Amino acid sequence: MTQRRFVSAAWIAAVATLVLALPLAARAELGKAAARAAASPADGLPKVSLTDQNGRTISLESLKGKPALVAFIHTQCEGPCELITAEMKSVARNLGPGFNSEVTMISITTEPDEDGSHELLAYAKKQGVNADGWVFLTGAPAEIRRLLALYGVAAENNNSDHVLELFLLSADGAEVRRYSGVAAHPQAIASDIRKTASLSLDRSPVRIGQRNWGREIFASRSIWRSPIRL
């Protein structure tokens, strides 16, 4: 009898612990989701004045109107940054010769003190991407820091700043998806760009798989606060 009471008490205690733990786990997941949403720019193409590889002043806001694939680079970074640019080239190749009608490829320096227009142009030529549809940008250090914070990425304290992520933005500048650098397949990114571009052209509900992307993306501006998964 005593042993049965002991087992019963232990079972009740275990159930109580599980019940109490569930809300904590749920809160933890909500916290993680909120952190991810907070790091997703509601507008990744704000009214910020920068300079492109040709020395022209350009506002990020002016690049709205079609999807954008955004990367952060440092022209003196050999290896990781070149791989990111090569990944973007593969995406453009998958989209075809007229890729720039569907997306703008944007690369922003993390080191504006070292990457001026001259360095960006030299980098673009070396990588074989000094062409229509490709924009390389530098600017005032304060503006670059603002953009790094906006995208939720941080430059390191040395001169080898590697941001191994790509960001797909909608035509309105909202984050649609972020990719873990070269781990993402160019074909998959190209497919996401096409879906995003088609939604930019037609804001009526469109079925992709089992989700109503048109309604989900365009019904309310409030959803821009969290990334949209394609």
Protein backbone atom coordinates (compact mmCIF):
# COMPACT_ATOMS: atom_id res chain seq x y z
CA MET A 1 0.00 0.00 0.00
CA THR A 2 2.79 2.40 0.99
CA GLN A 3 4.70 1.54 -2.18
CA ARG A 4 1.58 2.19 -4.28
CA ARG A 5 1.12 5.60 -2.62
CA PHE A 6 4.77 6.40 -3.31
CA VAL A 7 4.41 5.48 -7.00
CA SER A 8 1.19 7.47 -7.27
CA ALA A 9 2.78 10.53 -5.68
CA ALA A 10 5.79 10.27 -7.98
CA TRP A 11 3.50 9.97 -11.01
CA ILE A 12 1.49 13.04 -9.96
CA ALA A 13 4.69 15.00 -9.42
CA ALA A 14 5.97 14.04 -12.88
CA VAL A 15 2.71 15.11 -14.53
CA ALA A 16 2.72 18.41 -12.64
CA THR A 17 6.29 19.09 -13.72
CA LEU A 18 5.38 18.39 -17.35
CA VAL A 19 2.34 20.68 -17.21
CA LEU A 20 4.43 23.48 -15.75
CA ALA A 21 7.20 22.94 -18.29
CA LEU A 22 4.93 23.19 -21.32
CA PRO A 23 4.11 26.89 -20.94
CA LEU A 24 7.81 27.61 -20.39
CA ALA A 25 8.71 25.77 -23.59
CA ALA A 26 5.96 27.58 -25.46
CA ARG A 27 7.20 30.93 -24.15
CA ALA A 28 10.74 30.03 -25.18
CA GLU A 29 9.58 29.25 -28.72
CA LEU A 30 7.62 32.51 -28.85
CA GLY A 31 10.72 34.33 -27.69
CA LYS A 32 12.81 32.75 -30.45
CA ALA A 33 10.16 33.59 -33.05
CA ALA A 34 10.01 37.19 -31.83
CA ALA A 35 13.79 37.47 -32.03
CA ARG A 36 13.74 36.17 -35.61
CA ALA A 37 10.99 38.62 -36.52
CA ALA A 38 12.82 41.52 -34.89
CA ALA A 39 15.90 40.75 -36.98
CA SER A 40 13.86 40.77 -40.19
CA PRO A 41 13.76 44.23 -41.75
CA ALA A 42 10.24 45.52 -42.35
CA ASP A 43 11.85 47.68 -45.03
CA GLY A 44 15.25 46.52 -46.23
CA LEU A 45 15.40 49.33 -48.80
CA PRO A 46 14.95 52.46 -46.69
CA LYS A 47 15.56 56.05 -47.72
CA VAL A 48 19.34 55.90 -47.30
CA SER A 49 21.70 57.72 -49.65
CA LEU A 50 24.65 55.58 -50.82
CA THR A 51 27.15 55.58 -53.68
CA ASP A 52 27.36 52.89 -56.34
CA GLN A 53 30.38 51.38 -58.11
CA ASN A 54 30.19 54.09 -60.79
CA GLY A 55 30.33 56.95 -58.29
CA ARG A 56 26.65 57.80 -58.62
CA THR A 57 24.60 58.77 -55.58
CA ILE A 58 21.69 56.38 -55.20
CA SER A 59 18.94 55.94 -52.64
CA LEU A 60 18.19 52.37 -51.59
CA GLU A 61 14.52 53.32 -51.74
CA SER A 62 14.86 53.90 -55.50
CA LEU A 63 15.63 50.20 -55.97
CA LYS A 64 12.11 49.20 -55.00
CA GLY A 65 9.71 48.04 -57.68
CA LYS A 66 11.00 44.49 -58.11
CA PRO A 67 12.53 41.88 -55.80
CA ALA A 68 16.13 42.30 -54.64
CA LEU A 69 18.76 39.83 -53.52
CA VAL A 70 21.01 41.55 -50.98
CA ALA A 71 24.50 40.60 -49.78
CA PHE A 72 27.13 42.27 -47.60
CA ILE A 73 30.72 42.09 -48.81
CA HIS A 74 34.22 43.46 -48.33
CA THR A 75 36.29 43.75 -51.50
CA GLN A 76 39.47 42.75 -49.66
CA CYS A 77 37.82 39.62 -48.30
CA GLU A 78 39.19 36.80 -50.42
CA GLY A 79 37.21 33.61 -50.16
CA PRO A 80 33.89 33.97 -48.31
CA CYS A 81 32.76 37.20 -49.99
CA GLU A 82 33.80 35.94 -53.41
CA LEU A 83 31.80 32.77 -52.76
CA ILE A 84 28.73 34.85 -51.88
CA THR A 85 29.09 36.81 -55.13
CA ALA A 86 29.59 33.55 -57.05
CA GLU A 87 26.38 32.24 -55.47
CA MET A 88 24.52 35.32 -56.71
CA LYS A 89 26.00 34.79 -60.19
CA SER A 90 24.67 31.21 -60.15
CA VAL A 91 21.22 32.52 -59.17
CA ALA A 92 21.32 35.01 -62.08
CA ARG A 93 22.41 32.22 -64.43
CA ASN A 94 19.44 30.11 -63.31
CA LEU A 95 17.07 33.02 -63.97
CA GLY A 96 18.44 33.48 -67.49
CA PRO A 97 19.88 36.37 -69.55
CA GLY A 98 17.03 38.73 -68.65
CA PHE A 99 17.34 38.13 -64.90
CA ASN A 100 17.51 41.87 -64.17
CA SER A 101 13.85 42.21 -65.19
CA GLU A 102 12.96 40.00 -62.21
CA VAL A 103 15.48 40.95 -59.53
CA THR A 104 18.20 43.46 -58.62
CA MET A 105 21.44 42.02 -57.23
CA ILE A 106 22.63 44.36 -54.46
CA SER A 107 25.97 44.09 -52.64
CA ILE A 108 26.69 46.49 -49.78
CA THR A 109 30.18 46.89 -48.33
CA THR A 110 30.76 46.28 -44.63
CA GLU A 111 33.92 48.42 -44.78
CA PRO A 112 33.08 51.82 -46.31
CA ASP A 113 36.43 53.28 -45.20
CA GLU A 114 38.22 50.76 -47.41
CA ASP A 115 35.64 50.17 -50.15
CA GLY A 116 34.99 53.27 -52.22
CA SER A 117 33.44 53.34 -55.70
CA HIS A 118 36.83 52.56 -57.29
CA GLU A 119 37.31 49.42 -55.20
CA LEU A 120 33.74 48.27 -55.77
CA LEU A 121 34.04 48.71 -59.53
CA ALA A 122 37.32 46.80 -59.58
CA TYR A 123 35.71 44.00 -57.54
CA ALA A 124 32.67 43.86 -59.83
CA LYS A 125 34.88 43.62 -62.90
CA LYS A 126 37.07 40.95 -61.33
CA GLN A 127 34.00 38.86 -60.45
CA GLY A 128 32.52 39.37 -63.91
CA VAL A 129 29.38 41.10 -62.66
CA ASN A 130 29.82 44.72 -63.75
CA ALA A 131 26.60 44.58 -65.76
CA ASP A 132 22.96 45.61 -65.74
CA GLY A 133 21.13 44.25 -62.72
CA TRP A 134 24.17 44.42 -60.41
CA VAL A 135 24.57 47.24 -57.88
CA PHE A 136 27.54 47.58 -55.50
CA LEU A 137 27.15 50.18 -52.76
CA THR A 138 29.21 52.09 -50.23
CA GLY A 139 28.42 55.07 -48.06
CA ALA A 140 29.04 56.91 -44.82
CA PRO A 141 30.13 54.56 -42.01
CA ALA A 142 27.12 55.57 -39.90
CA GLU A 143 24.72 54.64 -42.71
CA ILE A 144 26.43 51.28 -43.25
CA ARG A 145 26.23 50.51 -39.52
CA ARG A 146 22.55 51.42 -39.64
CA LEU A 147 21.98 48.94 -42.47
CA LEU A 148 23.92 46.17 -40.73
CA ALA A 149 21.75 46.67 -37.65
CA LEU A 150 18.60 46.78 -39.79
CA TYR A 151 19.43 43.39 -41.28
CA GLY A 152 20.41 41.95 -37.92
CA VAL A 153 24.00 41.21 -38.91
CA ALA A 154 27.16 42.44 -37.23
CA ALA A 155 30.58 43.19 -38.66
CA GLU A 156 33.52 41.75 -36.77
CA ASN A 157 36.10 43.91 -35.03
CA ASN A 158 38.83 43.05 -37.52
CA ASN A 159 39.10 43.74 -41.23
CA SER A 160 37.84 40.34 -42.32
CA ASP A 161 34.11 40.93 -42.04
CA HIS A 162 32.12 38.00 -43.33
CA VAL A 163 28.33 38.14 -43.56
CA LEU A 164 27.53 34.72 -44.96
CA GLU A 165 23.86 35.37 -45.59
CA LEU A 166 21.75 36.40 -48.56
CA PHE A 167 18.49 38.31 -48.17
CA LEU A 168 15.58 38.11 -50.60
CA LEU A 169 13.40 41.21 -50.47
CA SER A 170 10.00 41.82 -52.02
CA ALA A 171 9.31 44.66 -54.42
CA ASP A 172 8.31 46.74 -51.38
CA GLY A 173 11.62 46.06 -49.63
CA ALA A 174 10.25 43.64 -47.03
CA GLU A 175 12.26 40.53 -46.21
CA VAL A 176 10.81 37.46 -47.85
CA ARG A 177 13.54 35.03 -46.90
CA ARG A 178 17.14 34.85 -45.78
CA TYR A 179 19.55 32.16 -46.87
CA SER A 180 22.60 30.74 -45.17
CA GLY A 181 25.18 31.78 -47.73
CA VAL A 182 26.57 29.15 -50.06
CA ALA A 183 24.59 26.39 -48.33
CA ALA A 184 21.50 27.46 -50.28
CA HIS A 185 20.90 26.03 -53.74
CA PRO A 186 20.91 28.67 -56.51
CA GLN A 187 17.99 26.91 -58.20
CA ALA A 188 15.90 27.22 -55.04
CA ILE A 189 16.73 30.91 -54.65
CA ALA A 190 15.90 31.54 -58.33
CA SER A 191 12.56 29.78 -57.83
CA ASP A 192 11.78 31.95 -54.78
CA ILE A 193 12.64 35.07 -56.79
CA ARG A 194 10.25 34.08 -59.57
CA LYS A 195 7.45 33.48 -57.06
CA THR A 196 8.11 36.81 -55.37
CA ALA A 197 8.28 38.62 -58.71
CA SER A 198 4.98 37.12 -59.84
CA LEU A 199 3.33 38.28 -56.62
CA SER A 200 4.69 41.78 -57.17
CA LEU A 201 3.00 41.87 -60.58
CA ASP A 202 -0.30 40.41 -59.42
CA ARG A 203 -1.46 41.24 -55.92
CA SER A 204 -4.54 39.04 -56.18
CA PRO A 205 -4.52 35.75 -54.22
CA VAL A 206 -2.26 33.20 -55.88
CA ARG A 207 -1.99 29.55 -54.91
CA ILE A 208 1.50 28.14 -54.47
CA GLY A 209 1.33 24.66 -52.99
CA GLN A 210 -1.05 24.72 -50.05
CA ARG A 211 -0.65 28.37 -49.05
CA ASN A 212 -2.43 31.46 -50.33
CA TRP A 213 0.57 33.71 -50.93
CA GLY A 214 -1.36 36.61 -52.41
CA ARG A 215 -3.59 37.00 -49.36
CA GLU A 216 -0.82 36.22 -46.90
CA ILE A 217 1.64 38.71 -48.33
CA PHE A 218 -0.55 41.59 -49.46
CA ALA A 219 -3.62 41.52 -47.20
CA SER A 220 -1.95 43.44 -44.39
CA ARG A 221 1.19 45.53 -43.98
CA SER A 222 1.56 44.13 -40.46
CA ILE A 223 2.83 40.80 -41.76
CA TRP A 224 5.98 42.50 -43.07
CA ARG A 225 7.26 42.40 -39.51
CA SER A 226 8.08 38.70 -39.89
CA PRO A 227 9.81 36.86 -42.76
CA ILE A 228 7.56 35.19 -45.31
CA ARG A 229 8.55 31.61 -45.97
CA LEU A 230 8.29 30.44 -49.57
